[in-house]
N, C-alpha and C. Protein backbone atom coordinates (compact mmCIF):
# COMPACT_ATOMS: atom_id res chain seq x y z
N MET A 1 78.96 131.33 75.64
CA MET A 1 80.11 130.59 75.14
C MET A 1 80.11 129.20 75.76
N SER A 2 80.68 128.31 75.02
CA SER A 2 80.71 126.94 75.52
C SER A 2 81.81 126.78 76.56
N ASN A 3 81.74 125.72 77.33
CA ASN A 3 82.72 125.46 78.38
C ASN A 3 84.11 125.20 77.80
N ILE A 4 84.18 124.60 76.61
CA ILE A 4 85.48 124.30 76.00
C ILE A 4 86.20 125.58 75.63
N VAL A 5 85.51 126.54 75.08
CA VAL A 5 86.12 127.82 74.70
C VAL A 5 86.60 128.56 75.94
N LEU A 6 85.80 128.55 77.00
CA LEU A 6 86.20 129.22 78.23
C LEU A 6 87.43 128.56 78.85
N ALA A 7 87.51 127.25 78.80
CA ALA A 7 88.66 126.54 79.34
C ALA A 7 89.91 126.84 78.53
N GLN A 8 89.79 126.96 77.22
CA GLN A 8 90.95 127.29 76.39
C GLN A 8 91.42 128.70 76.67
N GLN A 9 90.51 129.63 76.85
CA GLN A 9 90.88 131.01 77.15
C GLN A 9 91.56 131.09 78.51
N ALA A 10 91.10 130.34 79.48
CA ALA A 10 91.71 130.34 80.81
C ALA A 10 93.11 129.75 80.76
N ALA A 11 93.31 128.70 79.97
CA ALA A 11 94.63 128.07 79.85
C ALA A 11 95.61 129.02 79.17
N GLU A 12 95.16 129.78 78.20
CA GLU A 12 96.04 130.71 77.52
C GLU A 12 96.40 131.88 78.42
N ALA A 13 95.52 132.28 79.32
CA ALA A 13 95.78 133.40 80.20
C ALA A 13 96.84 133.06 81.24
N VAL A 14 97.00 131.78 81.59
CA VAL A 14 97.94 131.37 82.62
C VAL A 14 99.32 131.07 82.02
N SER A 15 99.44 131.05 80.73
CA SER A 15 100.69 130.71 80.06
C SER A 15 101.82 131.61 80.55
N ILE A 16 102.98 131.02 80.83
CA ILE A 16 104.13 131.75 81.36
C ILE A 16 105.35 131.38 80.54
N ASN A 17 106.26 132.30 80.44
CA ASN A 17 107.49 132.07 79.70
C ASN A 17 108.30 130.96 80.38
N LYS A 18 108.87 130.05 79.58
CA LYS A 18 109.63 128.92 80.14
C LYS A 18 110.88 129.40 80.89
N GLY A 19 111.52 130.43 80.38
CA GLY A 19 112.70 130.96 81.06
C GLY A 19 112.35 131.56 82.41
N LEU A 20 111.22 132.24 82.46
CA LEU A 20 110.77 132.82 83.72
C LEU A 20 110.42 131.73 84.73
N ALA A 21 109.85 130.63 84.25
CA ALA A 21 109.54 129.51 85.14
C ALA A 21 110.81 128.88 85.68
N ALA A 22 111.85 128.80 84.85
CA ALA A 22 113.13 128.23 85.30
C ALA A 22 113.78 129.12 86.35
N ILE A 23 113.72 130.42 86.16
CA ILE A 23 114.27 131.35 87.16
C ILE A 23 113.50 131.22 88.47
N GLY A 24 112.18 131.10 88.37
CA GLY A 24 111.36 130.93 89.57
C GLY A 24 111.69 129.66 90.31
N TYR A 25 111.91 128.57 89.58
CA TYR A 25 112.28 127.32 90.26
C TYR A 25 113.66 127.44 90.90
N GLY A 26 114.58 128.08 90.20
CA GLY A 26 115.92 128.27 90.76
C GLY A 26 115.88 129.05 92.07
N LEU A 27 115.08 130.09 92.10
CA LEU A 27 114.94 130.86 93.34
C LEU A 27 114.20 130.06 94.40
N GLY A 28 113.25 129.24 93.98
CA GLY A 28 112.52 128.40 94.93
C GLY A 28 113.35 127.28 95.51
N ALA A 29 114.40 126.86 94.80
CA ALA A 29 115.25 125.77 95.28
C ALA A 29 116.30 126.26 96.28
N ILE A 30 116.45 127.56 96.41
CA ILE A 30 117.42 128.11 97.36
C ILE A 30 117.02 127.75 98.80
N GLY A 31 115.73 127.86 99.11
CA GLY A 31 115.25 127.58 100.46
C GLY A 31 115.53 126.16 100.92
N PRO A 32 115.12 125.14 100.15
CA PRO A 32 115.44 123.78 100.56
C PRO A 32 116.95 123.51 100.61
N GLY A 33 117.71 124.14 99.75
CA GLY A 33 119.17 123.96 99.79
C GLY A 33 119.77 124.48 101.09
N ILE A 34 119.33 125.64 101.50
CA ILE A 34 119.80 126.20 102.77
C ILE A 34 119.31 125.34 103.93
N GLY A 35 118.07 124.86 103.85
CA GLY A 35 117.52 124.03 104.91
C GLY A 35 118.29 122.74 105.11
N VAL A 36 118.66 122.08 104.00
CA VAL A 36 119.43 120.84 104.09
C VAL A 36 120.80 121.11 104.70
N GLY A 37 121.41 122.20 104.30
CA GLY A 37 122.70 122.56 104.88
C GLY A 37 122.62 122.79 106.38
N LEU A 38 121.58 123.46 106.83
CA LEU A 38 121.41 123.72 108.26
C LEU A 38 121.12 122.44 109.04
N ILE A 39 120.35 121.55 108.43
CA ILE A 39 120.03 120.28 109.10
C ILE A 39 121.29 119.49 109.38
N PHE A 40 122.11 119.29 108.35
CA PHE A 40 123.28 118.44 108.54
C PHE A 40 124.40 119.16 109.30
N ALA A 41 124.42 120.49 109.27
CA ALA A 41 125.36 121.22 110.11
C ALA A 41 125.02 121.02 111.58
N ALA A 42 123.71 121.00 111.88
CA ALA A 42 123.30 120.77 113.26
C ALA A 42 123.62 119.35 113.71
N VAL A 43 123.50 118.38 112.80
CA VAL A 43 123.83 116.99 113.15
C VAL A 43 125.32 116.86 113.42
N ILE A 44 126.13 117.47 112.59
CA ILE A 44 127.58 117.40 112.80
C ILE A 44 127.95 118.08 114.12
N ASN A 45 127.34 119.22 114.39
CA ASN A 45 127.62 119.93 115.63
C ASN A 45 127.17 119.12 116.85
N GLY A 46 125.98 118.53 116.77
CA GLY A 46 125.48 117.72 117.89
C GLY A 46 126.29 116.46 118.11
N THR A 47 126.76 115.84 117.02
CA THR A 47 127.59 114.64 117.15
C THR A 47 128.95 114.99 117.75
N ALA A 48 129.47 116.15 117.39
CA ALA A 48 130.75 116.56 117.95
C ALA A 48 130.63 116.84 119.45
N ARG A 49 129.50 117.35 119.87
CA ARG A 49 129.31 117.65 121.30
C ARG A 49 128.95 116.41 122.12
N GLN A 50 128.17 115.50 121.51
CA GLN A 50 127.72 114.32 122.25
C GLN A 50 127.71 113.12 121.30
N PRO A 51 128.85 112.45 121.16
CA PRO A 51 128.97 111.36 120.17
C PRO A 51 128.01 110.20 120.38
N GLU A 52 127.59 109.94 121.59
CA GLU A 52 126.71 108.81 121.83
C GLU A 52 125.29 109.06 121.31
N ALA A 53 124.95 110.28 120.96
CA ALA A 53 123.62 110.60 120.42
C ALA A 53 123.59 110.58 118.89
N GLN A 54 124.63 110.08 118.27
CA GLN A 54 124.74 110.13 116.81
C GLN A 54 123.58 109.40 116.13
N GLY A 55 123.23 108.23 116.58
CA GLY A 55 122.16 107.46 115.95
C GLY A 55 120.82 108.18 115.99
N LYS A 56 120.50 108.75 117.15
CA LYS A 56 119.24 109.47 117.30
C LYS A 56 119.23 110.73 116.45
N LEU A 57 120.36 111.43 116.42
CA LEU A 57 120.44 112.65 115.61
C LEU A 57 120.32 112.36 114.12
N GLN A 58 120.91 111.26 113.67
CA GLN A 58 120.83 110.93 112.25
C GLN A 58 119.41 110.55 111.84
N GLY A 59 118.70 109.87 112.72
CA GLY A 59 117.31 109.54 112.42
C GLY A 59 116.45 110.78 112.27
N ILE A 60 116.63 111.72 113.17
CA ILE A 60 115.90 112.98 113.10
C ILE A 60 116.31 113.75 111.85
N ALA A 61 117.61 113.73 111.55
CA ALA A 61 118.11 114.48 110.40
C ALA A 61 117.54 113.95 109.09
N PHE A 62 117.49 112.66 108.93
CA PHE A 62 116.99 112.11 107.67
C PHE A 62 115.49 112.34 107.50
N SER A 63 114.74 112.31 108.59
CA SER A 63 113.30 112.59 108.46
C SER A 63 113.06 114.06 108.12
N THR A 64 113.81 114.97 108.70
CA THR A 64 113.65 116.39 108.35
C THR A 64 114.22 116.68 106.96
N PHE A 65 115.25 115.93 106.56
CA PHE A 65 115.80 116.07 105.22
C PHE A 65 114.74 115.72 104.17
N VAL A 66 114.00 114.65 104.42
CA VAL A 66 112.96 114.24 103.48
C VAL A 66 111.87 115.31 103.39
N LEU A 67 111.47 115.86 104.52
CA LEU A 67 110.45 116.90 104.51
C LEU A 67 110.93 118.15 103.76
N THR A 68 112.19 118.47 103.90
CA THR A 68 112.74 119.63 103.21
C THR A 68 112.85 119.39 101.71
N GLU A 69 113.24 118.20 101.33
CA GLU A 69 113.39 117.89 99.91
C GLU A 69 112.04 117.81 99.20
N VAL A 70 110.97 117.53 99.93
CA VAL A 70 109.65 117.52 99.32
C VAL A 70 109.32 118.91 98.76
N LEU A 71 109.78 119.95 99.43
CA LEU A 71 109.55 121.31 98.94
C LEU A 71 110.21 121.52 97.58
N ALA A 72 111.42 121.00 97.41
CA ALA A 72 112.10 121.14 96.12
C ALA A 72 111.40 120.32 95.05
N LEU A 73 110.90 119.14 95.41
CA LEU A 73 110.18 118.32 94.44
C LEU A 73 108.86 118.96 94.02
N ILE A 74 108.17 119.56 94.96
CA ILE A 74 106.95 120.28 94.62
C ILE A 74 107.27 121.44 93.69
N GLY A 75 108.39 122.11 93.95
CA GLY A 75 108.80 123.22 93.10
C GLY A 75 109.08 122.78 91.67
N ILE A 76 109.72 121.63 91.49
CA ILE A 76 110.03 121.19 90.13
C ILE A 76 108.75 120.73 89.41
N VAL A 77 107.79 120.18 90.14
CA VAL A 77 106.51 119.82 89.53
C VAL A 77 105.78 121.07 89.07
N ILE A 78 105.78 122.10 89.89
CA ILE A 78 105.14 123.36 89.51
C ILE A 78 105.86 124.00 88.33
N TYR A 79 107.20 123.86 88.28
CA TYR A 79 107.95 124.38 87.13
C TYR A 79 107.49 123.71 85.84
N PHE A 80 107.36 122.38 85.86
CA PHE A 80 106.93 121.68 84.65
C PHE A 80 105.50 122.02 84.27
N LEU A 81 104.66 122.23 85.27
CA LEU A 81 103.28 122.64 84.97
C LEU A 81 103.24 124.05 84.39
N ALA A 82 104.08 124.94 84.90
CA ALA A 82 104.07 126.32 84.42
C ALA A 82 104.71 126.45 83.06
N SER A 83 105.69 125.62 82.74
CA SER A 83 106.39 125.75 81.45
C SER A 83 105.72 124.96 80.35
N ALA A 84 104.70 124.19 80.66
CA ALA A 84 104.02 123.39 79.62
C ALA A 84 103.19 124.25 78.70
């Protein structure tokens, strides 16, 4: 068989229902949502305990927020790839 036919058969085998992909992304977005909540809860708690450390805590919080949100962005890219 030619390479084009094999590639088409492989693409058809990976096909997934769009609704199932949406449910998978929704479940995958729960983790980053919880992570963001925990990050900023810790910043609020740390600022309440030591107000002079607010600037340092916010810098750490925003860098970890970005890392956590990357997971959600990767999830939505995979959703679009799976539902195509």
